[in-house]
N, C-alpha and C. Protein backbone atom coordinates (compact mmCIF):
# COMPACT_ATOMS: atom_id res chain seq x y z
N MET A 1 -76.47 28.30 -97.42
CA MET A 1 -75.36 28.93 -96.73
C MET A 1 -75.39 30.28 -97.45
N SER A 2 -75.51 31.53 -96.79
CA SER A 2 -75.35 32.85 -97.49
C SER A 2 -73.94 33.21 -97.94
N ASP A 3 -73.87 34.31 -98.74
CA ASP A 3 -72.52 34.89 -99.25
C ASP A 3 -71.72 35.05 -97.98
N LYS A 4 -72.37 35.74 -97.19
CA LYS A 4 -71.87 36.51 -95.80
C LYS A 4 -71.23 35.37 -95.00
N ASP A 5 -71.99 34.21 -94.91
CA ASP A 5 -71.62 33.14 -94.06
C ASP A 5 -70.32 32.44 -94.77
N LYS A 6 -70.41 32.07 -96.03
CA LYS A 6 -69.36 31.65 -96.79
C LYS A 6 -68.06 32.26 -96.68
N HIS A 7 -68.29 33.60 -96.89
CA HIS A 7 -66.98 34.74 -96.71
C HIS A 7 -66.21 34.41 -95.17
N GLY A 8 -67.25 34.58 -94.22
CA GLY A 8 -66.87 34.42 -92.92
C GLY A 8 -66.20 33.04 -92.52
N ALA A 9 -66.86 31.79 -93.07
CA ALA A 9 -66.12 30.66 -93.03
C ALA A 9 -64.75 30.49 -93.71
N ARG A 10 -64.63 31.08 -94.83
CA ARG A 10 -63.44 31.33 -95.40
C ARG A 10 -62.33 32.04 -94.72
N SER A 11 -62.93 33.29 -94.19
CA SER A 11 -61.80 33.86 -93.37
C SER A 11 -61.25 33.17 -92.17
N ARG A 12 -62.17 32.64 -91.63
CA ARG A 12 -61.77 31.59 -90.20
C ARG A 12 -60.83 30.74 -90.73
N VAL A 13 -61.08 30.19 -91.84
CA VAL A 13 -60.18 28.97 -92.27
C VAL A 13 -58.84 29.67 -92.52
N ALA A 14 -58.87 30.64 -93.27
CA ALA A 14 -57.66 31.38 -93.49
C ALA A 14 -56.91 31.66 -92.43
N ARG A 15 -57.64 32.19 -91.37
CA ARG A 15 -56.81 32.86 -90.17
C ARG A 15 -56.32 31.54 -89.58
N ALA A 16 -57.00 30.39 -89.58
CA ALA A 16 -56.32 29.05 -88.80
C ALA A 16 -55.34 28.64 -89.35
N ILE A 17 -54.96 28.84 -90.98
CA ILE A 17 -53.97 28.17 -91.58
C ILE A 17 -52.88 29.13 -91.28
N ILE A 18 -52.97 30.48 -91.25
CA ILE A 18 -52.19 31.35 -91.00
C ILE A 18 -51.43 31.28 -89.57
N TRP A 19 -52.28 31.16 -88.51
CA TRP A 19 -51.88 30.79 -87.23
C TRP A 19 -51.11 29.63 -86.99
N MET A 20 -51.67 28.35 -87.62
CA MET A 20 -50.81 27.13 -87.64
C MET A 20 -49.32 27.10 -88.23
N ASN A 21 -49.51 28.01 -89.60
CA ASN A 21 -48.08 28.15 -90.23
C ASN A 21 -47.21 28.99 -89.40
N ASN A 22 -47.72 30.06 -88.99
CA ASN A 22 -46.87 30.74 -88.08
C ASN A 22 -46.22 30.33 -86.79
N PHE A 23 -47.03 29.47 -86.16
CA PHE A 23 -46.93 28.88 -84.84
C PHE A 23 -45.67 27.85 -85.19
N ARG A 24 -45.91 26.95 -86.38
CA ARG A 24 -44.79 26.06 -86.76
C ARG A 24 -43.64 26.73 -86.88
N LYS A 25 -43.65 27.71 -87.65
CA LYS A 25 -42.25 28.45 -88.16
C LYS A 25 -41.73 29.23 -86.99
N ARG A 26 -42.52 29.80 -86.22
CA ARG A 26 -41.77 30.33 -85.12
C ARG A 26 -41.00 29.40 -84.28
N HIS A 27 -41.23 28.24 -84.13
CA HIS A 27 -40.91 27.14 -83.31
C HIS A 27 -39.70 26.51 -83.98
N LYS A 28 -39.50 26.80 -85.05
CA LYS A 28 -38.07 26.32 -85.77
C LYS A 28 -36.89 27.16 -85.32
N ASN A 29 -35.75 26.65 -85.38
CA ASN A 29 -34.45 27.63 -85.17
C ASN A 29 -33.86 27.90 -86.50
N PHE A 30 -34.52 29.00 -87.08
CA PHE A 30 -33.86 29.41 -88.38
C PHE A 30 -32.72 30.45 -88.04
N ASN A 31 -31.75 30.17 -88.80
CA ASN A 31 -30.52 31.17 -88.87
C ASN A 31 -30.13 31.73 -90.19
N ILE A 32 -31.22 32.31 -90.94
CA ILE A 32 -30.94 32.77 -92.30
C ILE A 32 -30.15 34.22 -92.47
N THR A 33 -29.47 34.18 -93.25
CA THR A 33 -28.81 35.44 -93.40
C THR A 33 -29.75 36.52 -94.11
N PRO A 34 -29.73 37.78 -93.55
CA PRO A 34 -30.76 38.70 -93.84
C PRO A 34 -30.91 39.06 -95.38
N GLU A 35 -29.89 38.87 -96.24
CA GLU A 35 -29.96 39.16 -97.66
C GLU A 35 -30.77 38.15 -98.43
N ARG A 36 -31.04 36.92 -97.55
CA ARG A 36 -31.68 35.93 -98.19
C ARG A 36 -33.43 35.88 -97.68
N VAL A 37 -33.66 36.91 -96.97
CA VAL A 37 -35.06 36.98 -96.46
C VAL A 37 -35.84 37.98 -97.54
N LEU A 38 -36.82 37.64 -98.02
CA LEU A 38 -37.66 38.44 -98.85
C LEU A 38 -38.94 39.21 -97.84
N LEU A 39 -38.98 40.41 -97.79
CA LEU A 39 -40.16 41.21 -97.16
C LEU A 39 -41.15 41.46 -98.19
N LEU A 40 -42.11 40.56 -98.18
CA LEU A 40 -42.96 40.90 -99.59
C LEU A 40 -44.25 41.42 -99.14
N LEU A 41 -44.62 42.50 -99.71
CA LEU A 41 -45.76 43.56 -99.30
C LEU A 41 -46.62 43.83 -100.47
N PRO A 42 -47.81 44.04 -100.26
CA PRO A 42 -48.85 44.03 -101.18
C PRO A 42 -49.06 45.51 -101.66
N ARG A 43 -49.48 45.55 -103.07
CA ARG A 43 -49.53 46.80 -103.52
C ARG A 43 -50.45 47.90 -102.87
N CYS A 44 -51.70 47.25 -102.12
CA CYS A 44 -52.65 48.07 -101.17
C CYS A 44 -51.84 48.75 -100.22
N ILE A 45 -50.66 48.43 -99.66
CA ILE A 45 -49.94 49.06 -98.64
C ILE A 45 -49.58 50.65 -98.90
N GLN A 46 -49.38 50.72 -100.45
CA GLN A 46 -49.11 52.01 -100.88
C GLN A 46 -50.45 52.90 -100.97
N ASN A 47 -50.22 54.24 -100.53
CA ASN A 47 -51.15 55.08 -100.47
C ASN A 47 -51.61 55.40 -102.07
N THR A 48 -53.04 55.22 -102.18
CA THR A 48 -53.55 55.24 -103.38
C THR A 48 -53.39 56.51 -104.39
N GLU A 49 -53.32 57.67 -103.53
CA GLU A 49 -52.91 58.91 -104.09
C GLU A 49 -51.39 59.05 -104.79
N CYS A 50 -50.57 58.13 -104.27
CA CYS A 50 -48.96 58.23 -104.61
C CYS A 50 -48.94 57.87 -106.12
N THR A 51 -48.07 58.54 -106.55
CA THR A 51 -47.74 58.45 -108.15
C THR A 51 -46.25 57.34 -108.34
N GLN A 52 -45.85 57.24 -107.38
CA GLN A 52 -44.54 56.37 -107.53
C GLN A 52 -44.93 55.02 -107.66
N ASN A 53 -44.09 54.50 -108.72
CA ASN A 53 -44.32 52.97 -109.14
C ASN A 53 -43.46 52.03 -108.16
N ILE A 54 -43.96 51.87 -106.95
CA ILE A 54 -43.07 50.96 -106.02
C ILE A 54 -43.14 49.37 -106.32
N VAL A 55 -44.00 49.17 -107.27
CA VAL A 55 -44.08 47.52 -107.84
C VAL A 55 -42.92 47.39 -108.43
N LYS A 56 -42.51 48.18 -109.13
CA LYS A 56 -41.41 47.95 -110.13
C LYS A 56 -40.02 48.02 -109.26
N ASP A 57 -39.81 49.00 -108.20
CA ASP A 57 -38.89 49.18 -107.46
C ASP A 57 -39.41 49.86 -106.18
N VAL A 58 -39.34 49.29 -105.01
CA VAL A 58 -39.82 49.68 -103.83
C VAL A 58 -39.09 50.83 -103.41
N HIS A 59 -37.69 50.84 -103.88
CA HIS A 59 -36.69 52.22 -103.47
C HIS A 59 -37.18 53.55 -104.31
N GLN A 60 -38.17 53.43 -105.12
CA GLN A 60 -38.90 54.50 -105.93
C GLN A 60 -39.52 55.24 -104.93
N CYS A 61 -39.77 54.89 -103.75
CA CYS A 61 -40.66 55.54 -102.89
C CYS A 61 -39.94 56.66 -102.32
N LYS A 62 -40.67 57.78 -102.41
CA LYS A 62 -40.22 59.09 -101.98
C LYS A 62 -39.94 59.23 -100.32
N ARG A 63 -40.55 58.23 -99.48
CA ARG A 63 -40.57 58.34 -98.15
C ARG A 63 -41.17 59.45 -97.58
N CYS A 64 -42.42 59.93 -98.08
CA CYS A 64 -43.13 61.09 -97.61
C CYS A 64 -43.90 60.68 -96.16
N GLY A 65 -44.06 59.40 -96.08
CA GLY A 65 -44.63 59.01 -94.65
C GLY A 65 -46.33 59.13 -94.69
N ASN A 66 -46.63 59.02 -95.96
CA ASN A 66 -48.29 59.12 -96.04
C ASN A 66 -48.68 57.65 -96.09
N CYS A 67 -47.96 56.76 -96.06
CA CYS A 67 -48.28 55.33 -96.03
C CYS A 67 -47.22 54.58 -95.32
N PRO A 68 -47.40 53.32 -94.93
CA PRO A 68 -46.41 52.67 -94.19
C PRO A 68 -44.98 52.09 -95.15
N VAL A 69 -45.04 52.29 -96.43
CA VAL A 69 -44.09 51.92 -97.27
C VAL A 69 -42.55 52.67 -96.59
N LYS A 70 -42.56 53.66 -96.08
CA LYS A 70 -41.37 54.52 -95.82
C LYS A 70 -40.96 53.55 -94.65
N SER A 71 -41.75 53.49 -93.68
CA SER A 71 -41.25 52.37 -92.36
C SER A 71 -40.89 51.11 -92.62
N LEU A 72 -41.53 50.44 -93.65
CA LEU A 72 -41.25 49.05 -94.22
C LEU A 72 -39.82 49.03 -94.83
N ILE A 73 -39.49 50.01 -95.48
CA ILE A 73 -38.18 50.18 -96.29
C ILE A 73 -37.20 50.53 -94.97
N GLU A 74 -37.37 51.16 -94.06
CA GLU A 74 -36.39 51.38 -93.05
C GLU A 74 -36.21 50.07 -92.27
N ILE A 75 -37.30 49.42 -91.97
CA ILE A 75 -37.05 48.00 -91.36
C ILE A 75 -36.22 47.19 -92.00
N GLY A 76 -36.48 47.31 -93.50
CA GLY A 76 -35.71 46.41 -94.30
C GLY A 76 -34.18 46.62 -94.19
N GLU A 77 -33.92 48.07 -94.05
CA GLU A 77 -32.51 48.57 -94.01
C GLU A 77 -32.07 48.02 -92.66
N GLU A 78 -32.82 48.25 -91.56
CA GLU A 78 -32.30 48.08 -90.28
C GLU A 78 -31.99 46.53 -89.97
N TYR A 79 -32.96 45.66 -90.68
CA TYR A 79 -32.40 44.08 -90.63
C TYR A 79 -31.48 43.55 -91.73
N GLY A 80 -31.56 44.39 -92.64
CA GLY A 80 -30.77 44.03 -93.96
C GLY A 80 -31.50 42.99 -94.73
N VAL A 81 -32.92 43.00 -94.63
CA VAL A 81 -33.56 42.14 -95.51
C VAL A 81 -34.17 42.83 -96.77
N ILE A 82 -34.68 42.15 -97.83
CA ILE A 82 -34.88 42.75 -99.06
C ILE A 82 -36.69 42.95 -99.35
N PRO A 83 -36.91 44.19 -99.23
CA PRO A 83 -38.38 44.69 -99.44
C PRO A 83 -38.84 44.69 -100.83
N ARG A 84 -39.86 44.01 -101.25
CA ARG A 84 -40.46 44.02 -102.51
C ARG A 84 -41.89 44.19 -102.28
N VAL A 85 -42.57 44.70 -103.55
CA VAL A 85 -44.01 44.91 -103.52
C VAL A 85 -44.48 43.97 -104.70
N ALA A 86 -45.42 43.39 -104.53
CA ALA A 86 -46.16 42.51 -105.62
C ALA A 86 -47.57 43.01 -105.97
N GLY A 87 -47.73 43.06 -107.05
CA GLY A 87 -49.13 43.55 -107.52
C GLY A 87 -50.13 42.39 -107.55
N GLY A 88 -49.84 41.36 -107.12
CA GLY A 88 -50.82 40.29 -107.29
C GLY A 88 -50.11 38.86 -106.75
N GLY A 89 -50.97 37.81 -106.67
CA GLY A 89 -50.50 36.46 -106.20
C GLY A 89 -49.33 35.92 -107.16
N ARG A 90 -49.67 36.02 -108.64
CA ARG A 90 -48.80 35.28 -109.38
C ARG A 90 -47.11 36.03 -109.34
N LEU A 91 -47.30 37.49 -109.18
CA LEU A 91 -45.97 38.04 -109.20
C LEU A 91 -45.31 37.81 -107.80
N ALA A 92 -46.19 37.66 -106.78
CA ALA A 92 -45.46 37.27 -105.53
C ALA A 92 -44.92 36.00 -105.51
N LEU A 93 -45.68 34.94 -106.01
CA LEU A 93 -44.86 33.79 -106.08
C LEU A 93 -43.82 33.72 -106.93
N ALA A 94 -43.77 34.44 -107.96
CA ALA A 94 -42.65 34.51 -108.79
C ALA A 94 -41.41 35.13 -107.99
N MET A 95 -41.67 36.02 -107.30
CA MET A 95 -40.64 36.70 -106.26
C MET A 95 -39.97 35.62 -105.22
N VAL A 96 -41.15 34.72 -104.83
CA VAL A 96 -40.67 33.89 -103.70
C VAL A 96 -39.74 32.69 -104.34
N LEU A 97 -39.98 32.46 -105.62
CA LEU A 97 -39.26 31.53 -106.37
C LEU A 97 -37.84 31.84 -106.71
N GLU A 98 -37.60 33.04 -106.63
CA GLU A 98 -36.23 33.44 -107.06
C GLU A 98 -35.23 32.73 -106.23
N SER A 99 -34.04 32.43 -107.07
CA SER A 99 -32.96 31.39 -106.26
C SER A 99 -32.46 32.05 -104.93
N TRP A 100 -32.51 33.41 -104.75
CA TRP A 100 -31.91 33.91 -103.62
C TRP A 100 -32.72 34.05 -102.31
N VAL A 101 -33.92 33.68 -102.43
CA VAL A 101 -34.82 33.81 -101.43
C VAL A 101 -34.71 32.51 -100.75
N GLU A 102 -34.42 32.46 -99.46
CA GLU A 102 -34.57 31.41 -98.55
C GLU A 102 -35.85 31.32 -97.56
N ALA A 103 -36.43 32.47 -97.28
CA ALA A 103 -37.52 32.60 -96.53
C ALA A 103 -38.16 33.81 -96.89
N VAL A 104 -39.51 33.85 -96.34
CA VAL A 104 -40.52 35.11 -96.71
C VAL A 104 -41.15 35.50 -95.71
N VAL A 105 -41.17 36.74 -95.40
CA VAL A 105 -42.01 37.49 -94.49
C VAL A 105 -42.91 38.21 -95.38
N ALA A 106 -44.27 37.72 -95.32
CA ALA A 106 -45.31 38.09 -96.31
C ALA A 106 -46.31 39.06 -95.50
N VAL A 107 -46.84 40.32 -96.06
CA VAL A 107 -47.83 41.07 -95.68
C VAL A 107 -48.94 41.00 -96.75
N ALA A 108 -50.11 40.77 -96.16
CA ALA A 108 -51.23 40.80 -97.02
C ALA A 108 -52.43 40.53 -96.31
N CYS A 109 -53.81 40.35 -97.06
CA CYS A 109 -54.79 39.97 -96.35
C CYS A 109 -55.04 38.43 -96.10
N GLU A 110 -55.69 38.03 -95.42
CA GLU A 110 -55.81 36.52 -94.88
C GLU A 110 -55.80 35.61 -96.18
N GLN A 111 -56.77 35.93 -97.06
CA GLN A 111 -57.07 35.04 -98.27
C GLN A 111 -55.55 34.93 -99.27
N GLU A 112 -54.98 36.05 -99.44
CA GLU A 112 -53.80 36.03 -100.09
C GLU A 112 -52.62 35.29 -99.43
N LEU A 113 -52.66 35.53 -97.99
CA LEU A 113 -51.59 34.68 -97.17
C LEU A 113 -51.77 33.23 -97.17
N LYS A 114 -53.06 32.83 -97.18
CA LYS A 114 -53.25 31.56 -97.17
C LYS A 114 -52.87 30.89 -98.37
N ALA A 115 -53.19 31.61 -99.59
CA ALA A 115 -52.89 31.03 -101.02
C ALA A 115 -51.38 30.99 -101.07
N GLY A 116 -50.60 31.82 -100.57
CA GLY A 116 -49.11 32.13 -100.70
C GLY A 116 -48.51 30.99 -99.64
N ILE A 117 -48.98 30.98 -98.71
CA ILE A 117 -48.49 29.89 -97.80
C ILE A 117 -48.52 28.57 -98.31
N MET A 118 -49.59 28.31 -98.79
CA MET A 118 -49.86 26.86 -99.60
C MET A 118 -49.16 26.82 -100.74
N ALA A 119 -49.01 27.78 -101.55
CA ALA A 119 -48.19 27.65 -102.76
C ALA A 119 -46.49 27.74 -102.80
N SER A 120 -46.11 28.25 -101.54
CA SER A 120 -44.65 28.37 -101.49
C SER A 120 -43.82 27.12 -100.85
N PRO A 121 -42.83 27.10 -101.71
CA PRO A 121 -41.88 25.65 -101.17
C PRO A 121 -41.01 26.26 -100.33
N LYS A 122 -40.96 27.47 -99.91
CA LYS A 122 -40.09 28.17 -98.87
C LYS A 122 -40.82 28.47 -97.70
N PRO A 123 -40.23 28.53 -96.43
CA PRO A 123 -40.85 29.06 -95.35
C PRO A 123 -41.38 30.27 -95.28
N VAL A 124 -42.78 30.62 -94.93
CA VAL A 124 -43.23 31.90 -94.90
C VAL A 124 -43.66 32.40 -93.51
N LEU A 125 -43.51 33.41 -93.10
CA LEU A 125 -44.20 33.85 -92.05
C LEU A 125 -45.11 35.10 -92.44
N ALA A 126 -46.40 34.80 -91.98
CA ALA A 126 -47.37 35.69 -92.60
C ALA A 126 -47.85 36.95 -91.49
N VAL A 127 -48.06 38.04 -91.81
CA VAL A 127 -48.60 39.03 -90.97
C VAL A 127 -49.64 39.75 -91.89
N THR A 128 -50.87 39.73 -91.19
CA THR A 128 -52.09 39.97 -91.66
C THR A 128 -52.05 41.71 -91.74
N ASN A 129 -52.39 42.10 -93.02
CA ASN A 129 -52.62 43.68 -93.00
C ASN A 129 -53.78 44.27 -92.28
N GLU A 130 -53.78 45.39 -92.06
CA GLU A 130 -55.00 46.09 -91.44
C GLU A 130 -55.68 46.89 -92.41
N ARG A 131 -57.02 46.95 -92.53
CA ARG A 131 -57.59 47.44 -93.43
C ARG A 131 -58.61 48.48 -93.31
N PRO A 132 -58.32 49.50 -92.67
CA PRO A 132 -59.16 50.55 -92.07
C PRO A 132 -60.02 51.35 -93.02
N PHE A 133 -59.68 51.21 -94.41
CA PHE A 133 -60.43 51.84 -95.34
C PHE A 133 -61.19 50.88 -96.36
N GLY A 134 -61.27 49.49 -96.03
CA GLY A 134 -61.79 48.46 -96.55
C GLY A 134 -60.59 47.68 -97.33
N PRO A 135 -61.13 46.62 -98.09
CA PRO A 135 -59.89 45.81 -98.70
C PRO A 135 -59.37 46.52 -99.89
N CYS A 136 -58.12 46.19 -100.22
CA CYS A 136 -57.29 46.56 -101.24
C CYS A 136 -56.99 48.05 -101.67
N ALA A 137 -57.05 48.74 -100.56
CA ALA A 137 -56.61 50.13 -100.74
C ALA A 137 -56.27 50.84 -99.35
N ASN A 138 -55.11 51.41 -99.45
CA ASN A 138 -54.50 52.22 -98.21
C ASN A 138 -54.53 51.36 -96.99
N THR A 139 -54.09 50.10 -97.08
CA THR A 139 -54.01 49.39 -96.09
C THR A 139 -52.65 49.70 -95.22
N SER A 140 -52.57 48.85 -93.95
CA SER A 140 -51.40 49.18 -93.06
C SER A 140 -51.22 47.90 -92.45
N VAL A 141 -50.13 47.98 -91.60
CA VAL A 141 -49.68 46.78 -91.05
C VAL A 141 -49.08 47.22 -89.54
N ASP A 142 -49.04 46.26 -88.63
CA ASP A 142 -48.35 46.41 -87.34
C ASP A 142 -46.90 46.09 -87.62
N LEU A 143 -45.97 47.17 -87.55
CA LEU A 143 -44.62 47.23 -87.85
C LEU A 143 -44.07 46.34 -86.98
N GLU A 144 -44.26 46.17 -85.45
CA GLU A 144 -43.81 45.48 -84.71
C GLU A 144 -43.95 43.81 -85.03
N LYS A 145 -45.08 43.42 -85.58
CA LYS A 145 -45.30 42.01 -85.92
C LYS A 145 -44.26 41.88 -86.91
N VAL A 146 -44.08 42.83 -88.27
CA VAL A 146 -43.25 42.47 -89.13
C VAL A 146 -41.81 42.34 -88.61
N LYS A 147 -41.40 43.15 -87.51
CA LYS A 147 -39.92 43.13 -87.15
C LYS A 147 -39.72 41.53 -86.41
N GLU A 148 -40.98 41.59 -85.62
CA GLU A 148 -40.83 39.90 -84.91
C GLU A 148 -40.77 38.77 -86.04
N ALA A 149 -41.52 38.86 -87.01
CA ALA A 149 -41.38 37.76 -88.09
C ALA A 149 -39.98 37.81 -88.59
N ILE A 150 -39.49 38.78 -89.00
CA ILE A 150 -38.13 38.89 -89.60
C ILE A 150 -37.07 38.32 -88.71
N ALA A 151 -37.15 38.91 -87.39
CA ALA A 151 -36.17 38.23 -86.30
C ALA A 151 -36.30 36.79 -86.14
N SER A 152 -37.55 36.30 -86.52
CA SER A 152 -37.65 34.76 -86.15
C SER A 152 -36.79 34.02 -87.33
N PHE A 153 -36.77 34.39 -88.38
CA PHE A 153 -36.00 33.97 -89.36
C PHE A 153 -34.56 34.11 -89.44
N LEU A 154 -34.04 35.20 -88.78
CA LEU A 154 -32.91 35.62 -88.76
C LEU A 154 -32.01 34.95 -87.42
N GLY A 155 -32.82 34.62 -86.57
CA GLY A 155 -32.26 33.68 -85.47
C GLY A 155 -31.05 34.58 -84.84
N LYS A 156 -29.75 33.87 -84.78
CA LYS A 156 -28.68 34.69 -84.31
C LYS A 156 -28.10 35.64 -85.37
N ASN A 157 -28.43 35.50 -86.54
CA ASN A 157 -28.16 36.63 -87.58
C ASN A 157 -28.82 37.73 -87.04
N GLY A 158 -29.99 37.48 -86.79
CA GLY A 158 -30.78 38.94 -86.51
C GLY A 158 -30.36 39.64 -85.29
N LYS A 159 -30.06 38.97 -84.17
CA LYS A 159 -29.14 39.49 -83.11
C LYS A 159 -27.91 40.35 -83.45
N GLU A 160 -27.34 39.61 -84.29
CA GLU A 160 -25.92 40.22 -84.67
C GLU A 160 -26.12 41.50 -85.52
N SER A 161 -27.24 41.46 -86.42
CA SER A 161 -27.62 42.64 -87.31
C SER A 161 -28.04 43.90 -86.36
N ARG A 162 -28.96 43.54 -85.41
CA ARG A 162 -29.60 44.50 -84.68
C ARG A 162 -28.40 45.16 -83.57
N ALA A 163 -27.67 44.25 -83.16
CA ALA A 163 -26.58 44.89 -82.33
C ALA A 163 -25.51 45.76 -82.93
N ALA A 164 -25.47 45.46 -84.23
CA ALA A 164 -24.38 46.29 -85.04
C ALA A 164 -25.10 47.72 -85.32
N THR A 165 -26.26 47.89 -85.15
CA THR A 165 -27.02 49.17 -85.50
C THR A 165 -26.95 50.19 -84.37
């Protein structure tokens, strides 16, 4: 089997795991309070030209609009969830394991999402990022899918949060 075929097979397996995970989680009735939902973002979502250290603190973002971080912070504010950026899988898992986290909406590539779903003891809804410039740099995400995932965890809490805005 060629490397290309192996990569394709791994991607198909990862997509299947993500789909099954999300299907199962979306059909549960979660009612988690917003401040207990982690919106976990990959470092590659930030524009590579940016000098702000959003891994240390996502709120260091200057909200220039040159990458999706501004919009993702605003979604966090709208829903009351906590956005954070992880520079890798170990840091992401450490964030997930924090005691305040009850559920995770994770944005990343298929392989990272698959690994995160399998490693997390907490429920995860996964949103695959878009990679118009290739992997690991200047990625994007469908903001509506992020909102839908957050709303799935918030249940009644999400309806109340959105109605208040």
